[in-house]
């Protein structure tokens, strides 16, 4: 632990499993107070999760400060209430990780555009894209209203995009469109609030070994094919993304905004 996030209050959506859990735990280890947000504190676990303990409870067990707030990220009232809960508990908000997302195609909804169900499209866009807008909207409102962080900057926002914002997938139009929107919105918000010293960046992971990855395999995906598509050590681990999320919320990224970081083991280098 290097305390790179000491005295920062961070919200992480989708915190109960996968990338959100890994990021929440990494933030707590770096000294942040963490507000965990998800539909339930006990979302799906996988083999890389620690002990089956809820994320916020594990942070508390290890001596950190954390609370859980039940949140439907596609609902404006929930996202506004999440920011309010964070500031009520810890007095301010410094970091938002807009991580919550869904991959409907990974659950067997793979289809080309003319075959895609409208409900799949709407659900994907609401959870993957609208939630990013709502998170930015309410987090930035709070960041502008409070005193700047001791570093002089007002805030750090990290949006979870995907390699599918850069390259096409396999008959995944709703997912690709939603993540393209995330990367594009990230650039726009970064530009709009650069003068206010609010950092806004995106992370674009390759395939990561989470519950969604397991769904891809269960739906007929080839583990060997996915390994070959990531020439540097195959599909990644949640900790690979959490490390970058720490950097982007720290002073190590003091001159970084509007960037979409490809963290993909070489997937998009082809």
Protein backbone atom coordinates (compact mmCIF):
# COMPACT_ATOMS: atom_id res chain seq x y z
CA UNK A 1 0.00 0.00 0.00
CA UNK A 2 1.31 3.42 -0.98
CA UNK A 3 -1.60 5.59 0.20
CA UNK A 4 -1.96 7.17 -3.24
CA UNK A 5 -5.66 7.77 -2.57
CA UNK A 6 -5.41 8.86 1.06
CA UNK A 7 -8.09 11.39 2.07
CA UNK A 8 -10.13 10.74 -1.08
CA UNK A 9 -13.75 9.61 -1.07
CA UNK A 10 -14.62 7.31 -3.96
CA UNK A 11 -17.83 5.85 -5.36
CA UNK A 12 -17.53 2.61 -7.30
CA UNK A 13 -20.62 1.32 -9.11
CA UNK A 14 -21.01 -2.37 -9.84
CA UNK A 15 -18.86 -2.94 -6.76
CA UNK A 16 -20.14 -6.32 -5.67
CA UNK A 17 -18.24 -8.46 -8.16
CA UNK A 18 -15.74 -8.49 -10.99
CA UNK A 19 -13.96 -5.26 -11.88
CA UNK A 20 -15.94 -3.14 -9.43
CA UNK A 21 -15.02 -5.36 -6.52
CA UNK A 22 -11.35 -5.40 -7.47
CA UNK A 23 -11.29 -1.61 -7.89
CA UNK A 24 -13.08 -1.03 -4.58
CA UNK A 25 -10.61 -3.22 -2.70
CA UNK A 26 -7.62 -1.61 -4.42
CA UNK A 27 -8.91 1.87 -3.60
CA UNK A 28 -9.36 0.95 0.05
CA UNK A 29 -5.83 -0.46 0.19
CA UNK A 30 -4.59 2.88 -1.18
CA UNK A 31 -6.32 4.78 1.62
CA UNK A 32 -9.61 5.86 0.02
CA UNK A 33 -12.96 5.83 1.75
CA UNK A 34 -15.11 3.72 -0.57
CA UNK A 35 -18.82 3.93 -1.27
CA UNK A 36 -19.82 0.62 -2.84
CA UNK A 37 -22.87 0.74 -5.12
CA UNK A 38 -24.75 -2.12 -6.77
CA UNK A 39 -28.18 -3.70 -6.99
CA UNK A 40 -27.22 -6.00 -4.13
CA UNK A 41 -24.12 -6.25 -1.92
CA UNK A 42 -23.77 -9.96 -2.71
CA UNK A 43 -23.65 -10.05 -6.49
CA UNK A 44 -22.08 -12.92 -8.43
CA UNK A 45 -18.70 -14.08 -7.19
CA UNK A 46 -16.07 -16.04 -9.10
CA UNK A 47 -12.95 -17.97 -8.26
CA UNK A 48 -10.84 -14.82 -7.92
CA UNK A 49 -13.08 -13.18 -5.32
CA UNK A 50 -12.05 -13.20 -1.69
CA UNK A 51 -13.98 -15.38 0.70
CA UNK A 52 -17.49 -14.58 -0.51
CA UNK A 53 -17.64 -11.58 1.84
CA UNK A 54 -19.53 -8.51 0.60
CA UNK A 55 -17.11 -5.93 -0.77
CA UNK A 56 -17.86 -3.17 1.73
CA UNK A 57 -17.75 -5.66 4.62
CA UNK A 58 -14.35 -6.96 3.46
CA UNK A 59 -13.00 -3.40 3.36
CA UNK A 60 -14.28 -2.81 6.89
CA UNK A 61 -12.83 -6.15 8.03
CA UNK A 62 -9.43 -5.05 6.77
CA UNK A 63 -9.63 -1.76 8.69
CA UNK A 64 -10.90 0.50 5.90
CA UNK A 65 -13.91 2.78 5.72
CA UNK A 66 -16.76 1.78 3.42
CA UNK A 67 -20.52 1.76 3.08
CA UNK A 68 -22.90 0.09 0.65
CA UNK A 69 -25.68 1.92 -1.18
CA UNK A 70 -28.28 -0.02 -3.17
CA UNK A 71 -28.27 1.59 -6.61
CA UNK A 72 -29.91 1.06 -9.98
CA UNK A 73 -27.44 2.96 -12.13
CA UNK A 74 -29.95 3.52 -14.93
CA UNK A 75 -32.25 5.54 -12.65
CA UNK A 76 -31.52 9.25 -12.15
CA UNK A 77 -33.02 9.31 -8.66
CA UNK A 78 -30.80 6.42 -7.55
CA UNK A 79 -27.63 8.01 -8.89
CA UNK A 80 -28.43 11.34 -7.29
CA UNK A 81 -29.17 9.59 -3.99
CA UNK A 82 -25.88 7.70 -4.26
CA UNK A 83 -23.87 10.91 -4.45
CA UNK A 84 -25.88 12.36 -1.58
CA UNK A 85 -25.23 9.26 0.54
CA UNK A 86 -21.50 9.50 -0.11
CA UNK A 87 -21.33 13.15 0.92
CA UNK A 88 -23.55 12.59 3.95
CA UNK A 89 -21.31 9.77 5.20
CA UNK A 90 -17.88 11.15 4.33
CA UNK A 91 -18.41 14.88 3.74
CA UNK A 92 -17.37 15.11 0.09
CA UNK A 93 -16.83 13.18 -3.16
CA UNK A 94 -13.48 13.06 -4.95
CA UNK A 95 -13.59 10.02 -7.24
CA UNK A 96 -16.33 8.32 -9.24
CA UNK A 97 -15.79 5.02 -11.02
CA UNK A 98 -18.68 4.46 -13.43
CA UNK A 99 -18.08 0.72 -13.65
CA UNK A 100 -21.50 -0.98 -13.63
CA UNK A 101 -22.37 -2.57 -16.93
CA UNK A 102 -24.03 -5.44 -18.69
CA UNK A 103 -23.19 -7.66 -21.66
CA UNK A 104 -26.50 -9.06 -22.86
CA UNK A 105 -24.82 -10.85 -25.75
CA UNK A 106 -22.68 -12.80 -23.27
CA UNK A 107 -25.92 -14.25 -21.92
CA UNK A 108 -26.80 -15.78 -25.26
CA UNK A 109 -28.25 -12.72 -27.01
CA UNK A 110 -25.59 -12.68 -29.75
CA UNK A 111 -27.23 -11.33 -32.90
CA UNK A 112 -26.51 -9.13 -35.85
CA UNK A 113 -28.20 -5.74 -36.07
CA UNK A 114 -31.37 -6.87 -37.89
CA UNK A 115 -31.76 -9.74 -35.42
CA UNK A 116 -31.22 -7.70 -32.25
CA UNK A 117 -34.19 -7.43 -29.93
CA UNK A 118 -35.14 -3.83 -29.11
CA UNK A 119 -35.32 -4.67 -25.41
CA UNK A 120 -31.72 -5.91 -25.50
CA UNK A 121 -30.66 -2.65 -27.14
CA UNK A 122 -32.57 -0.44 -24.68
CA UNK A 123 -31.38 -2.34 -21.60
CA UNK A 124 -27.76 -2.26 -22.73
CA UNK A 125 -27.81 1.44 -23.53
CA UNK A 126 -29.54 2.32 -20.24
CA UNK A 127 -27.09 0.42 -18.05
CA UNK A 128 -23.89 0.92 -20.04
CA UNK A 129 -24.34 4.45 -21.41
CA UNK A 130 -27.09 6.37 -19.64
CA UNK A 131 -25.59 5.42 -16.29
CA UNK A 132 -22.31 7.07 -17.29
CA UNK A 133 -24.13 10.30 -18.11
CA UNK A 134 -26.05 10.19 -14.83
CA UNK A 135 -22.94 9.41 -12.78
CA UNK A 136 -21.01 12.27 -14.37
CA UNK A 137 -23.95 14.65 -13.99
CA UNK A 138 -24.45 14.18 -10.25
CA UNK A 139 -20.81 13.63 -9.30
CA UNK A 140 -19.68 16.77 -11.11
CA UNK A 141 -22.48 18.79 -9.52
CA UNK A 142 -21.06 17.82 -6.11
CA UNK A 143 -17.44 18.31 -7.14
CA UNK A 144 -18.15 21.85 -8.32
CA UNK A 145 -20.02 22.69 -5.11
CA UNK A 146 -17.32 21.59 -2.66
CA UNK A 147 -13.83 22.85 -1.91
CA UNK A 148 -11.15 21.38 -4.19
CA UNK A 149 -9.11 18.44 -2.99
CA UNK A 150 -5.86 19.36 -1.21
CA UNK A 151 -4.04 18.60 -4.49
CA UNK A 152 -5.86 21.54 -6.08
CA UNK A 153 -7.90 19.34 -8.41
CA UNK A 154 -11.66 19.06 -8.02
CA UNK A 155 -12.29 15.48 -8.99
CA UNK A 156 -11.48 12.29 -10.82
CA UNK A 157 -13.98 10.33 -12.93
CA UNK A 158 -13.14 6.95 -14.46
CA UNK A 159 -15.64 5.50 -16.92
CA UNK A 160 -15.54 1.82 -17.84
CA UNK A 161 -15.52 1.48 -21.61
CA UNK A 162 -14.21 -1.51 -23.58
CA UNK A 163 -12.00 -2.61 -26.44
CA UNK A 164 -15.35 -2.91 -28.25
CA UNK A 165 -15.43 0.88 -28.41
CA UNK A 166 -12.45 0.58 -30.76
CA UNK A 167 -12.91 -2.73 -32.59
CA UNK A 168 -16.00 -4.72 -33.55
CA UNK A 169 -17.05 -7.82 -31.67
CA UNK A 170 -18.87 -10.92 -32.84
CA UNK A 171 -22.46 -9.85 -33.54
CA UNK A 172 -22.63 -7.56 -30.50
CA UNK A 173 -24.16 -4.32 -31.83
CA UNK A 174 -25.76 -3.09 -28.60
CA UNK A 175 -22.63 -3.66 -26.52
CA UNK A 176 -20.30 -2.07 -29.07
CA UNK A 177 -22.58 0.94 -29.48
CA UNK A 178 -22.93 1.43 -25.74
CA UNK A 179 -19.19 1.34 -25.12
CA UNK A 180 -18.49 3.62 -28.08
CA UNK A 181 -20.83 6.10 -26.43
CA UNK A 182 -18.88 5.81 -23.17
CA UNK A 183 -15.55 6.66 -24.80
CA UNK A 184 -17.05 9.54 -26.78
CA UNK A 185 -18.86 10.99 -23.77
CA UNK A 186 -15.66 10.71 -21.74
CA UNK A 187 -13.84 12.96 -24.20
CA UNK A 188 -16.64 15.52 -24.23
CA UNK A 189 -17.03 15.73 -20.45
CA UNK A 190 -13.25 15.90 -20.03
CA UNK A 191 -13.11 18.90 -22.34
CA UNK A 192 -16.09 20.61 -20.74
CA UNK A 193 -14.62 20.42 -17.22
CA UNK A 194 -10.88 20.70 -17.84
CA UNK A 195 -10.91 24.31 -16.66
CA UNK A 196 -12.54 23.14 -13.43
CA UNK A 197 -9.68 20.64 -12.89
CA UNK A 198 -11.90 17.57 -13.03
CA UNK A 199 -10.13 14.62 -14.63
CA UNK A 200 -12.37 12.42 -16.81
CA UNK A 201 -10.87 9.29 -18.35
CA UNK A 202 -12.01 5.88 -19.55
CA UNK A 203 -10.56 2.39 -19.26
CA UNK A 204 -11.05 0.01 -22.19
CA UNK A 205 -10.46 -3.54 -20.93
CA UNK A 206 -9.99 -6.60 -23.05
CA UNK A 207 -11.60 -9.84 -21.93
CA UNK A 208 -11.24 -10.10 -18.15
CA UNK A 209 -11.78 -13.26 -16.11
CA UNK A 210 -15.00 -12.25 -14.36
CA UNK A 211 -18.52 -13.67 -14.22
CA UNK A 212 -19.23 -12.09 -17.63
CA UNK A 213 -16.21 -13.90 -19.09
CA UNK A 214 -17.57 -17.15 -17.71
CA UNK A 215 -20.90 -16.39 -19.38
CA UNK A 216 -19.09 -15.93 -22.70
CA UNK A 217 -17.56 -19.38 -22.36
CA UNK A 218 -20.87 -20.91 -21.26
CA UNK A 219 -22.52 -19.42 -24.37
CA UNK A 220 -20.04 -21.25 -26.60
CA UNK A 221 -16.98 -18.97 -26.61
CA UNK A 222 -13.61 -20.62 -27.11
CA UNK A 223 -11.15 -20.21 -24.25
CA UNK A 224 -8.25 -20.98 -26.58
CA UNK A 225 -9.40 -18.42 -29.15
CA UNK A 226 -9.68 -15.75 -26.47
CA UNK A 227 -6.24 -16.65 -25.16
CA UNK A 228 -4.72 -16.20 -28.61
CA UNK A 229 -6.47 -12.86 -29.09
CA UNK A 230 -4.63 -11.52 -26.02
CA UNK A 231 -1.00 -12.22 -26.92
CA UNK A 232 0.35 -10.93 -23.61
CA UNK A 233 -0.61 -13.65 -21.10
CA UNK A 234 -4.14 -14.28 -22.41
CA UNK A 235 -7.33 -12.79 -20.87
CA UNK A 236 -6.72 -10.43 -17.97
CA UNK A 237 -7.53 -10.48 -14.29
CA UNK A 238 -9.68 -7.92 -12.44
CA UNK A 239 -6.56 -6.69 -10.67
CA UNK A 240 -5.06 -5.68 -14.03
CA UNK A 241 -7.84 -3.13 -14.43
CA UNK A 242 -7.88 -2.10 -10.77
CA UNK A 243 -4.21 -1.06 -10.97
CA UNK A 244 -4.97 1.35 -13.82
CA UNK A 245 -8.05 2.65 -11.99
CA UNK A 246 -5.81 3.54 -9.05
CA UNK A 247 -3.41 5.43 -11.31
CA UNK A 248 -6.21 7.42 -12.93
CA UNK A 249 -7.57 8.50 -9.54
CA UNK A 250 -4.16 9.50 -8.21
CA UNK A 251 -1.62 12.27 -8.68
CA UNK A 252 0.27 9.92 -11.01
CA UNK A 253 -2.24 11.05 -13.66
CA UNK A 254 -1.95 14.75 -12.85
CA UNK A 255 -1.87 15.77 -16.54
CA UNK A 256 -4.23 13.14 -17.93
CA UNK A 257 -7.81 13.76 -19.02
CA UNK A 258 -10.02 12.77 -21.95
CA UNK A 259 -8.06 9.56 -22.55
CA UNK A 260 -9.39 6.06 -23.20
CA UNK A 261 -6.80 3.63 -21.89
CA UNK A 262 -6.59 0.31 -23.72
CA UNK A 263 -5.76 -2.36 -21.13
CA UNK A 264 -6.08 -5.51 -23.19
CA UNK A 265 -2.98 -7.66 -23.28
CA UNK A 266 -2.33 -6.63 -26.86
CA UNK A 267 -5.82 -7.46 -28.19
CA UNK A 268 -6.15 -4.26 -30.25
CA UNK A 269 -2.49 -4.16 -31.33
CA UNK A 270 -3.26 -6.48 -34.26
